[in-house]
């Protein structure tokens, strides 16, 4: 009975690791992905008018391309019928490699604005800043971040990295919605102090990523080559798959390390 149990336990470990098998060709999107160029921006005629336009061109990567406007997909790089606002545009190629251009401003002739964005450089916290500057044609102006309350303050502190909706309302109740992206800054998360101990404890186990049958993720070069997969699989909790979940703080640190460029520090 004990031998049978040991066999099934070994089979469980083996199939658990295969479930999130990293031993497959990896496309380096930084080298083989598409490029994206902002070709032109046409402002809206007035606040609320849907006649603004953004045009982008893509090259490289693997066609066909899918183009994105605020994460909504379409078949061409010509984005029409836009109101005044700030947008994120992108392209995804057939290999799933993507390139984004964030914080593209479409102004209106009677509603001009800019957004100054500071990166979020804290791993387990928020340090991003959004500062809005509006030409006050129709005051007073009110500002809202995501689902918060409208107020007179045009500066938002301690903002997390990622996409946010900033709304500006003028004195004539014309509303402009801004899709503002706060970039992730360098957090300084350490491979040797923060990431390697997690890999040794939770990933480099018997029958999995300890080098016996799968990539040894204790090896920095191997971990770096699979960094994107490690981030996505730990965040959606497919990895590790031995039934021992990672602490959220460890998942966050892995994401920060990958976002930092997976440095050997």
Protein backbone atom coordinates (compact mmCIF):
# COMPACT_ATOMS: atom_id res chain seq x y z
CA UNK A 1 0.00 0.00 0.00
CA UNK A 2 2.85 2.42 0.86
CA UNK A 3 4.55 1.76 -2.50
CA UNK A 4 1.28 2.40 -4.34
CA UNK A 5 0.80 5.66 -2.42
CA UNK A 6 4.35 6.76 -3.23
CA UNK A 7 3.81 6.03 -6.91
CA UNK A 8 0.62 8.09 -7.07
CA UNK A 9 2.26 10.93 -5.11
CA UNK A 10 5.15 11.01 -7.60
CA UNK A 11 2.63 10.94 -10.46
CA UNK A 12 0.76 13.86 -8.87
CA UNK A 13 3.96 15.91 -8.64
CA UNK A 14 4.89 15.10 -12.22
CA UNK A 15 1.49 15.95 -13.68
CA UNK A 16 1.25 19.03 -11.48
CA UNK A 17 4.43 20.37 -13.00
CA UNK A 18 3.44 19.39 -16.54
CA UNK A 19 0.23 21.35 -16.06
CA UNK A 20 2.24 24.56 -16.15
CA UNK A 21 5.12 23.24 -18.28
CA UNK A 22 7.62 25.99 -19.10
CA UNK A 23 9.79 23.69 -21.23
CA UNK A 24 8.69 25.10 -24.59
CA UNK A 25 10.06 27.66 -27.06
CA UNK A 26 9.81 31.20 -25.78
CA UNK A 27 9.33 34.14 -28.13
CA UNK A 28 11.27 37.18 -27.00
CA UNK A 29 8.70 39.87 -27.71
CA UNK A 30 11.26 42.58 -26.97
CA UNK A 31 13.19 41.42 -30.05
CA UNK A 32 10.52 39.83 -32.24
CA UNK A 33 7.42 41.85 -31.34
CA UNK A 34 5.73 44.56 -33.40
CA UNK A 35 6.54 48.26 -33.30
CA UNK A 36 3.88 50.96 -33.20
CA UNK A 37 4.09 54.55 -34.41
CA UNK A 38 1.68 57.37 -33.60
CA UNK A 39 1.08 58.76 -37.08
CA UNK A 40 -1.44 61.51 -36.38
CA UNK A 41 -3.94 62.92 -33.88
CA UNK A 42 -6.92 65.05 -34.94
CA UNK A 43 -8.59 67.07 -32.13
CA UNK A 44 -12.32 67.10 -31.54
CA UNK A 45 -14.09 70.23 -32.73
CA UNK A 46 -15.79 70.95 -29.40
CA UNK A 47 -16.20 69.39 -25.98
CA UNK A 48 -18.53 66.42 -26.40
CA UNK A 49 -18.17 66.18 -30.19
CA UNK A 50 -17.28 62.74 -31.53
CA UNK A 51 -15.01 63.78 -34.38
CA UNK A 52 -11.54 63.29 -32.92
CA UNK A 53 -9.21 60.76 -34.49
CA UNK A 54 -6.02 58.81 -33.78
CA UNK A 55 -4.07 56.98 -36.47
CA UNK A 56 -1.25 54.51 -35.73
CA UNK A 57 0.91 52.30 -37.95
CA UNK A 58 2.41 48.93 -36.99
CA UNK A 59 5.42 47.07 -38.37
CA UNK A 60 7.41 43.93 -37.56
CA UNK A 61 6.25 41.01 -35.47
CA UNK A 62 3.96 38.41 -37.01
CA UNK A 63 0.84 39.46 -38.90
CA UNK A 64 -2.12 39.65 -38.74
CA UNK A 65 -2.33 42.49 -36.24
CA UNK A 66 -5.08 43.38 -33.81
CA UNK A 67 -5.27 47.03 -32.80
CA UNK A 68 -6.43 48.25 -29.40
CA UNK A 69 -8.05 51.44 -28.16
CA UNK A 70 -8.32 51.43 -24.36
CA UNK A 71 -8.08 47.60 -24.63
CA UNK A 72 -11.01 47.38 -27.10
CA UNK A 73 -9.94 45.47 -30.21
CA UNK A 74 -10.43 46.37 -33.85
CA UNK A 75 -8.93 45.43 -37.21
CA UNK A 76 -7.26 48.69 -38.22
CA UNK A 77 -5.06 51.35 -36.68
CA UNK A 78 -7.47 54.16 -37.55
CA UNK A 79 -9.48 55.13 -34.47
CA UNK A 80 -12.33 57.47 -35.36
CA UNK A 81 -15.34 59.17 -33.72
CA UNK A 82 -13.41 60.04 -30.57
CA UNK A 83 -14.38 62.61 -27.99
CA UNK A 84 -11.75 64.75 -26.30
CA UNK A 85 -9.80 62.67 -23.82
CA UNK A 86 -6.66 60.67 -23.15
CA UNK A 87 -6.36 57.23 -24.71
CA UNK A 88 -4.18 54.14 -24.76
CA UNK A 89 -3.53 52.60 -28.20
CA UNK A 90 -1.79 49.35 -29.00
CA UNK A 91 -1.16 46.47 -31.35
CA UNK A 92 -1.01 42.71 -30.75
CA UNK A 93 0.56 40.40 -33.32
CA UNK A 94 -0.21 36.76 -34.15
CA UNK A 95 2.28 35.56 -31.51
CA UNK A 96 0.58 37.54 -28.76
CA UNK A 97 3.37 40.12 -28.56
CA UNK A 98 2.04 43.61 -27.93
CA UNK A 99 3.21 47.20 -28.01
CA UNK A 100 1.34 50.07 -26.37
CA UNK A 101 1.43 53.83 -26.59
CA UNK A 102 -0.19 55.27 -23.49
CA UNK A 103 -1.54 58.69 -22.58
CA UNK A 104 -2.32 59.87 -26.12
CA UNK A 105 -4.15 63.19 -25.81
CA UNK A 106 -7.06 64.18 -28.05
CA UNK A 107 -7.98 67.75 -27.19
CA UNK A 108 -11.05 69.78 -28.12
CA UNK A 109 -10.77 73.27 -29.51
CA UNK A 110 -12.64 74.64 -26.50
CA UNK A 111 -11.27 72.19 -23.91
CA UNK A 112 -7.49 71.84 -23.73
CA UNK A 113 -5.68 69.91 -21.03
CA UNK A 114 -2.53 67.97 -20.21
CA UNK A 115 -1.71 65.27 -17.68
CA UNK A 116 1.67 65.00 -15.97
CA UNK A 117 2.18 61.45 -14.71
CA UNK A 118 4.80 60.22 -12.21
CA UNK A 119 5.70 56.52 -12.16
CA UNK A 120 4.71 54.19 -9.34
CA UNK A 121 8.05 52.91 -8.02
CA UNK A 122 6.94 51.15 -4.83
CA UNK A 123 6.41 47.39 -5.06
CA UNK A 124 4.08 46.82 -2.12
CA UNK A 125 2.43 50.23 -2.12
CA UNK A 126 1.45 53.08 -4.43
CA UNK A 127 3.56 56.13 -5.27
CA UNK A 128 2.18 57.28 -8.63
CA UNK A 129 1.06 60.87 -9.13
CA UNK A 130 -1.33 62.38 -11.70
CA UNK A 131 -1.36 66.16 -12.14
CA UNK A 132 -3.97 67.65 -14.49
CA UNK A 133 -3.59 71.06 -16.08
CA UNK A 134 -6.62 72.59 -17.81
CA UNK A 135 -7.00 75.83 -19.72
CA UNK A 136 -9.91 77.32 -17.81
CA UNK A 137 -12.29 78.40 -20.54
CA UNK A 138 -15.49 77.44 -18.73
CA UNK A 139 -14.82 77.34 -14.98
CA UNK A 140 -15.29 76.06 -12.38
CA UNK A 141 -13.72 72.66 -13.01
CA UNK A 142 -14.11 69.49 -10.96
CA UNK A 143 -11.98 66.35 -11.09
CA UNK A 144 -12.63 62.69 -10.33
CA UNK A 145 -10.26 59.71 -10.14
CA UNK A 146 -11.87 56.38 -11.02
CA UNK A 147 -15.02 56.03 -8.87
CA UNK A 148 -14.11 58.68 -6.30
CA UNK A 149 -15.93 61.91 -5.62
CA UNK A 150 -15.62 65.03 -7.75
CA UNK A 151 -13.56 67.79 -6.12
CA UNK A 152 -11.56 70.87 -7.01
CA UNK A 153 -8.20 69.16 -6.62
CA UNK A 154 -6.49 68.37 -9.91
CA UNK A 155 -3.61 66.44 -8.33
CA UNK A 156 -3.97 62.80 -7.29
CA UNK A 157 -1.32 61.24 -5.03
CA UNK A 158 -0.47 57.64 -4.08
CA UNK A 159 -1.91 56.26 -7.32
CA UNK A 160 -1.23 52.64 -8.26
CA UNK A 161 0.45 51.73 -11.52
CA UNK A 162 -1.89 50.74 -14.33
CA UNK A 163 -4.89 52.24 -16.08
CA UNK A 164 -7.12 54.83 -14.43
CA UNK A 165 -10.12 56.86 -15.52
CA UNK A 166 -9.83 60.55 -14.71
CA UNK A 167 -12.91 62.67 -15.35
CA UNK A 168 -12.94 66.44 -15.80
CA UNK A 169 -16.19 68.42 -15.60
CA UNK A 170 -16.37 72.08 -16.59
CA UNK A 171 -18.79 74.83 -15.55
CA UNK A 172 -21.18 73.97 -18.39
CA UNK A 173 -21.34 70.31 -17.33
CA UNK A 174 -19.28 69.14 -20.29
CA UNK A 175 -17.41 66.02 -19.21
CA UNK A 176 -14.12 64.72 -20.58
CA UNK A 177 -12.96 61.20 -19.69
CA UNK A 178 -9.22 60.54 -19.63
CA UNK A 179 -7.76 57.02 -19.85
CA UNK A 180 -4.54 57.72 -17.94
CA UNK A 181 -1.85 55.07 -17.52
CA UNK A 182 0.54 55.32 -14.58
CA UNK A 183 3.71 53.45 -15.55
CA UNK A 184 5.47 51.03 -13.27
CA UNK A 185 8.82 52.48 -12.17
CA UNK A 186 11.86 50.51 -11.07
CA UNK A 187 11.08 49.07 -7.64
CA UNK A 188 14.47 47.59 -6.79
CA UNK A 189 13.06 44.13 -6.07
CA UNK A 190 16.02 41.77 -5.64
CA UNK A 191 16.55 38.44 -7.40
CA UNK A 192 18.84 37.11 -4.66
CA UNK A 193 16.99 38.45 -1.62
CA UNK A 194 13.34 38.41 -2.72
CA UNK A 195 12.79 36.02 -5.64
CA UNK A 196 15.32 33.17 -5.37
CA UNK A 197 14.21 32.15 -1.84
CA UNK A 198 10.61 31.83 -3.06
CA UNK A 199 11.69 29.71 -6.04
CA UNK A 200 13.82 27.44 -3.83
CA UNK A 201 10.99 26.92 -1.37
CA UNK A 202 7.97 26.64 -3.66
CA UNK A 203 9.07 25.91 -7.23
CA UNK A 204 12.38 24.01 -7.25
CA UNK A 205 10.90 20.91 -5.64
CA UNK A 206 11.22 17.22 -6.46
CA UNK A 207 9.77 16.39 -9.85
CA UNK A 208 9.31 20.01 -10.85
CA UNK A 209 11.61 22.98 -11.50
CA UNK A 210 14.71 21.64 -9.73
CA UNK A 211 16.50 20.66 -12.95
CA UNK A 212 15.72 16.95 -12.85
CA UNK A 213 13.12 17.04 -15.62
CA UNK A 214 12.08 20.68 -16.05
CA UNK A 215 13.98 23.97 -16.31
CA UNK A 216 15.86 24.66 -13.08
CA UNK A 217 14.44 28.02 -12.07
CA UNK A 218 17.13 28.44 -9.42
CA UNK A 219 19.40 29.24 -12.36
CA UNK A 220 19.08 32.99 -12.91
CA UNK A 221 19.44 32.77 -16.69
CA UNK A 222 16.65 30.20 -16.95
CA UNK A 223 14.41 32.16 -14.60
CA UNK A 224 14.99 35.32 -16.62
CA UNK A 225 14.14 33.58 -19.90
CA UNK A 226 10.82 32.42 -18.44
CA UNK A 227 10.17 35.58 -16.40
CA UNK A 228 6.98 36.57 -18.20
CA UNK A 229 5.48 33.10 -17.84
CA UNK A 230 6.46 32.91 -14.18
CA UNK A 231 4.73 36.22 -13.51
CA UNK A 232 1.50 35.32 -15.30
CA UNK A 233 1.32 31.79 -13.84
CA UNK A 234 1.92 32.90 -10.27
CA UNK A 235 -0.57 35.75 -10.57
CA UNK A 236 -3.37 33.47 -11.78
CA UNK A 237 -2.17 30.81 -9.28
CA UNK A 238 -1.36 28.10 -11.80
CA UNK A 239 2.13 28.06 -10.33
CA UNK A 240 3.19 26.45 -8.11
CA UNK A 241 0.78 23.61 -8.75
CA UNK A 242 1.64 21.33 -5.86
CA UNK A 243 -1.22 22.60 -3.75
CA UNK A 244 0.86 25.10 -1.77
CA UNK A 245 -0.27 28.64 -2.65
CA UNK A 246 2.18 31.52 -2.59
CA UNK A 247 1.63 34.41 -0.26
CA UNK A 248 0.22 37.44 -2.05
CA UNK A 249 3.30 39.43 -1.03
CA UNK A 250 5.52 36.89 -2.83
CA UNK A 251 3.32 37.05 -5.94
CA UNK A 252 3.57 40.84 -5.87
CA UNK A 253 7.37 40.72 -5.54
CA UNK A 254 7.66 38.36 -8.50
CA UNK A 255 5.55 40.73 -10.58
CA UNK A 256 7.68 43.71 -9.53
CA UNK A 257 10.92 41.88 -10.33
CA UNK A 258 9.66 40.96 -13.80
CA UNK A 259 8.40 44.50 -14.39
CA UNK A 260 11.85 45.79 -13.39
CA UNK A 261 13.30 43.76 -16.27
CA UNK A 262 14.16 40.64 -14.22
CA UNK A 263 17.58 41.97 -13.11
CA UNK A 264 20.32 39.84 -11.57
CA UNK A 265 20.57 41.90 -8.41
